[in-house]
Protein backbone atom coordinates (compact mmCIF):
# COMPACT_ATOMS: atom_id res chain seq x y z
CA MET A 1 -10.02 -3.16 6.78
CA LYS A 2 -6.55 -1.89 7.57
CA THR A 3 -3.88 -2.84 5.05
CA VAL A 4 -0.19 -2.57 5.89
CA ILE A 5 2.32 -2.15 3.08
CA ILE A 6 5.50 -3.82 4.33
CA ASP A 7 8.45 -1.44 4.19
CA TYR A 8 11.71 -3.38 4.12
CA GLY A 9 13.74 -0.75 2.28
CA LEU A 10 12.90 -1.71 -1.30
CA GLY A 11 9.69 -1.13 -3.21
CA ASN A 12 7.38 1.34 -4.90
CA LEU A 13 5.56 2.05 -1.67
CA ARG A 14 3.98 5.40 -2.45
CA SER A 15 2.29 4.38 -5.70
CA ILE A 16 0.66 1.41 -3.96
CA GLU A 17 -0.32 3.60 -1.02
CA LYS A 18 -1.92 6.16 -3.35
CA ALA A 19 -3.82 3.46 -5.23
CA LEU A 20 -5.23 2.05 -1.98
CA GLN A 21 -6.14 5.51 -0.73
CA TYR A 22 -7.87 6.20 -4.06
CA ILE A 23 -10.20 3.22 -3.53
CA GLY A 24 -10.89 4.35 0.03
CA SER A 25 -8.83 1.80 1.95
CA GLU A 26 -7.24 2.47 5.31
CA VAL A 27 -3.54 1.94 4.64
CA GLU A 28 -0.25 2.24 6.51
CA ILE A 29 3.37 1.85 5.39
CA SER A 30 5.35 0.19 8.17
CA ASN A 31 8.38 -1.92 9.05
CA GLU A 32 7.21 -2.53 12.62
CA PRO A 33 6.31 -6.11 13.60
CA SER A 34 3.56 -4.75 15.86
CA SER A 35 1.89 -3.05 12.87
CA ILE A 36 2.09 -6.27 10.88
CA ASP A 37 0.47 -8.12 13.80
CA ARG A 38 -2.38 -5.59 13.98
CA ALA A 39 -3.02 -5.40 10.23
CA ASP A 40 -6.04 -7.03 8.63
CA ALA A 41 -4.09 -7.60 5.40
CA LEU A 42 -0.52 -7.22 4.13
CA ILE A 43 1.06 -6.14 0.87
CA LEU A 44 4.64 -7.08 0.00
CA PRO A 45 5.93 -4.83 -2.81
CA GLY A 46 9.33 -5.01 -4.40
CA VAL A 47 11.61 -3.41 -6.97
CA GLY A 48 15.22 -4.46 -7.48
CA ALA A 49 17.31 -7.58 -7.01
CA PHE A 50 16.09 -10.72 -5.22
CA ARG A 51 19.19 -11.17 -3.03
CA ASP A 52 19.09 -7.59 -1.76
CA ALA A 53 15.37 -7.83 -1.12
CA MET A 54 15.70 -10.98 0.99
CA MET A 55 18.59 -9.49 2.97
CA HIS A 56 16.53 -6.42 3.82
CA PHE A 57 13.43 -8.50 4.52
CA SER A 58 15.11 -11.00 6.86
CA ILE A 59 14.25 -8.99 10.00
CA LEU A 60 10.52 -9.20 9.20
CA GLU A 61 10.37 -12.67 7.66
CA LYS A 62 9.39 -14.51 10.85
CA VAL A 63 6.52 -12.20 11.77
CA VAL A 64 5.17 -12.18 8.20
CA LYS A 65 5.26 -15.98 7.92
CA GLU A 66 3.49 -16.28 11.28
CA ALA A 67 0.81 -13.86 10.07
CA VAL A 68 0.30 -15.91 6.92
CA ASP A 69 0.16 -19.15 8.91
CA ASP A 70 -2.60 -17.57 11.01
CA GLY A 71 -4.59 -16.94 7.82
CA LYS A 72 -3.84 -13.25 7.30
CA PRO A 73 -4.11 -12.28 3.60
CA LEU A 74 -0.89 -11.27 1.83
CA LEU A 75 -0.50 -9.80 -1.66
CA GLY A 76 3.00 -9.95 -3.18
CA ILE A 77 3.63 -7.62 -6.12
CA CYS A 78 6.34 -8.08 -8.79
CA LEU A 79 9.56 -8.82 -6.85
CA GLY A 80 7.28 -9.28 -3.84
CA MET A 81 5.63 -12.19 -5.68
CA GLN A 82 9.03 -13.69 -6.51
CA MET A 83 10.06 -13.48 -2.86
CA LEU A 84 7.15 -15.78 -2.00
CA ALA A 85 8.84 -18.61 -3.91
CA SER A 86 11.29 -21.18 -2.53
CA GLU A 87 14.40 -19.88 -4.28
CA SER A 88 15.76 -17.64 -7.02
CA GLU A 89 18.62 -17.99 -9.47
CA GLU A 90 19.06 -14.21 -9.75
CA GLY A 91 22.66 -13.33 -8.83
CA GLY A 92 23.36 -16.91 -7.72
CA LEU A 93 21.02 -19.27 -5.91
CA HIS A 94 19.22 -17.64 -2.96
CA ASN A 95 16.42 -18.78 -0.68
CA GLY A 96 13.04 -17.09 -0.78
CA ILE A 97 10.32 -16.95 1.86
CA ASP A 98 9.08 -20.34 0.62
CA ILE A 99 5.35 -19.72 1.07
CA ILE A 100 4.56 -20.89 -2.47
CA PRO A 101 6.78 -23.68 -3.86
CA GLY A 102 8.66 -22.55 -6.95
CA LYS A 103 11.88 -21.21 -8.42
CA VAL A 104 12.53 -17.75 -9.86
CA VAL A 105 14.26 -18.00 -13.25
CA ARG A 106 15.31 -15.54 -15.94
CA PHE A 107 13.74 -15.16 -19.35
CA LEU A 108 16.04 -16.69 -21.94
CA ARG A 109 17.49 -14.18 -24.37
CA SER A 110 15.83 -14.46 -27.74
CA GLU A 111 14.24 -12.11 -30.24
CA LEU A 112 12.20 -10.74 -27.31
CA LYS A 113 13.46 -7.86 -25.24
CA VAL A 114 14.37 -8.47 -21.61
CA PRO A 115 13.06 -7.06 -19.33
CA HIS A 116 9.49 -7.80 -20.28
CA MET A 117 8.05 -4.30 -20.01
CA GLY A 118 4.61 -2.99 -20.87
CA TRP A 119 1.02 -4.15 -21.17
CA ASN A 120 0.10 -7.77 -21.70
CA SER A 121 -3.02 -9.89 -21.30
CA LEU A 122 -3.97 -12.38 -18.62
CA GLN A 123 -5.16 -15.90 -19.32
CA ILE A 124 -7.17 -16.72 -16.20
CA LYS A 125 -7.02 -20.33 -14.95
CA LYS A 126 -8.70 -20.00 -11.54
CA ASN A 127 -11.48 -17.72 -10.40
CA ILE A 128 -10.22 -16.44 -7.07
CA PRO A 129 -11.73 -13.49 -5.13
CA LEU A 130 -8.96 -11.14 -6.33
CA LEU A 131 -10.25 -11.62 -9.90
CA LYS A 132 -13.93 -10.95 -9.18
CA GLY A 133 -15.27 -8.88 -12.07
CA ILE A 134 -12.02 -9.19 -14.06
CA ASN A 135 -12.43 -10.47 -17.61
CA ASN A 136 -10.19 -13.10 -19.16
CA GLY A 137 -7.80 -11.33 -21.52
CA SER A 138 -7.64 -8.15 -19.42
CA HIS A 139 -4.40 -6.20 -19.86
CA VAL A 140 -2.06 -5.37 -16.99
CA TYR A 141 1.36 -3.74 -16.72
CA PHE A 142 4.60 -5.73 -16.35
CA VAL A 143 8.24 -4.79 -15.67
CA HIS A 144 10.45 -7.83 -14.98
CA SER A 145 13.31 -10.00 -16.21
CA TYR A 146 12.56 -13.03 -14.01
CA TYR A 147 9.45 -15.12 -13.39
CA VAL A 148 8.34 -17.87 -11.02
CA LYS A 149 8.33 -21.46 -12.23
CA THR A 150 5.83 -23.44 -10.18
CA ILE A 151 3.35 -26.27 -10.64
CA THR A 152 -0.16 -25.97 -12.05
CA GLU A 153 -1.74 -26.25 -8.60
CA PHE A 154 -0.44 -22.81 -7.61
CA GLU A 155 -1.03 -21.01 -10.95
CA VAL A 156 -3.94 -18.55 -11.09
CA ALA A 157 -3.34 -16.67 -14.34
CA MET A 158 -0.77 -16.95 -17.11
CA CYS A 159 0.82 -14.56 -19.58
CA ASP A 160 2.52 -15.19 -22.92
CA TYR A 161 5.83 -13.49 -23.63
CA GLY A 162 7.56 -15.87 -25.99
CA ILE A 163 6.88 -18.50 -23.34
CA GLU A 164 3.90 -18.93 -21.05
CA PHE A 165 4.70 -17.90 -17.48
CA PRO A 166 2.65 -17.41 -14.30
CA ALA A 167 1.31 -13.88 -14.00
CA MET A 168 -0.51 -14.74 -10.76
CA ILE A 169 0.06 -17.46 -8.19
CA THR A 170 -1.52 -18.45 -4.88
CA ASN A 171 -0.79 -20.76 -1.98
CA GLY A 172 -2.76 -23.85 -1.05
CA THR A 173 -5.08 -22.07 1.36
CA GLY A 174 -5.68 -19.07 -0.90
CA ASN A 175 -4.77 -16.32 1.56
CA VAL A 176 -1.49 -15.53 -0.23
CA ILE A 177 -1.55 -14.17 -3.78
CA GLY A 178 1.30 -13.03 -5.99
CA THR A 179 1.01 -10.81 -9.06
CA GLN A 180 4.02 -10.55 -11.38
CA PHE A 181 2.45 -7.39 -12.82
CA HIS A 182 1.83 -4.13 -10.99
CA PRO A 183 -1.87 -3.67 -10.10
CA GLU A 184 -1.15 -0.11 -8.97
CA LYS A 185 0.05 0.70 -12.52
CA SER A 186 -2.62 -1.28 -14.36
CA GLY A 187 -5.40 1.28 -14.61
CA THR A 188 -8.99 0.39 -13.78
CA VAL A 189 -8.27 -3.35 -13.93
CA GLY A 190 -5.53 -3.07 -11.32
CA LEU A 191 -7.61 -0.82 -9.09
CA LYS A 192 -10.43 -3.36 -9.27
CA MET A 193 -8.04 -6.08 -8.11
CA LEU A 194 -6.84 -3.96 -5.19
CA ARG A 195 -10.46 -3.22 -4.25
CA ASN A 196 -11.19 -6.95 -4.38
CA PHE A 197 -8.24 -7.60 -2.09
CA VAL A 198 -9.44 -5.06 0.43
CA GLU A 199 -13.09 -6.12 0.30
CA ASN A 200 -12.87 -9.89 -0.12
CA TYR A 201 -9.88 -11.00 1.90
CA GLY A 202 -10.19 -9.14 5.17
CA PRO A 203 -12.11 -9.92 8.36
């Protein structure tokens, strides 16, 4: 299966590429619509601010949404997951890709540090193919100040950081998955998830 990491100018592309290469996946980093069309699966990474990300992504939004509508699997990571939502309050109110209904909101300041940074455990709510062989309570690595508020129907796994928030979400048809954490930085657990994505979601 050929996986294309979508390059829209923001994102930790090389670390994801190296992780996919490590598990033996054929992978390409590209910002070409033709490459997205030919891919068996897509990964949408992201680091930075929501507004900037959507501005950079706008050129590719149509082709990515068409690919998703055709059933192509898409994995959104961190900011890439947040971009899948309907809108974000970061830096004002901005529209997202609107593949998974929800709103991106900031952690409220409290005794907890923001951003939420480091290892935390997953409370799994749905057994989807990405989580094959992953135990409830497994630890993964987070770096974020915002999270996606959505309804239970789209929640896959939760995390507790003062409040309970979605650590993983999916769309109604299951071909789009978002992880608020970074699988590529989450050791053997994260590599297992990436292997599951490559092996269980492609043609």
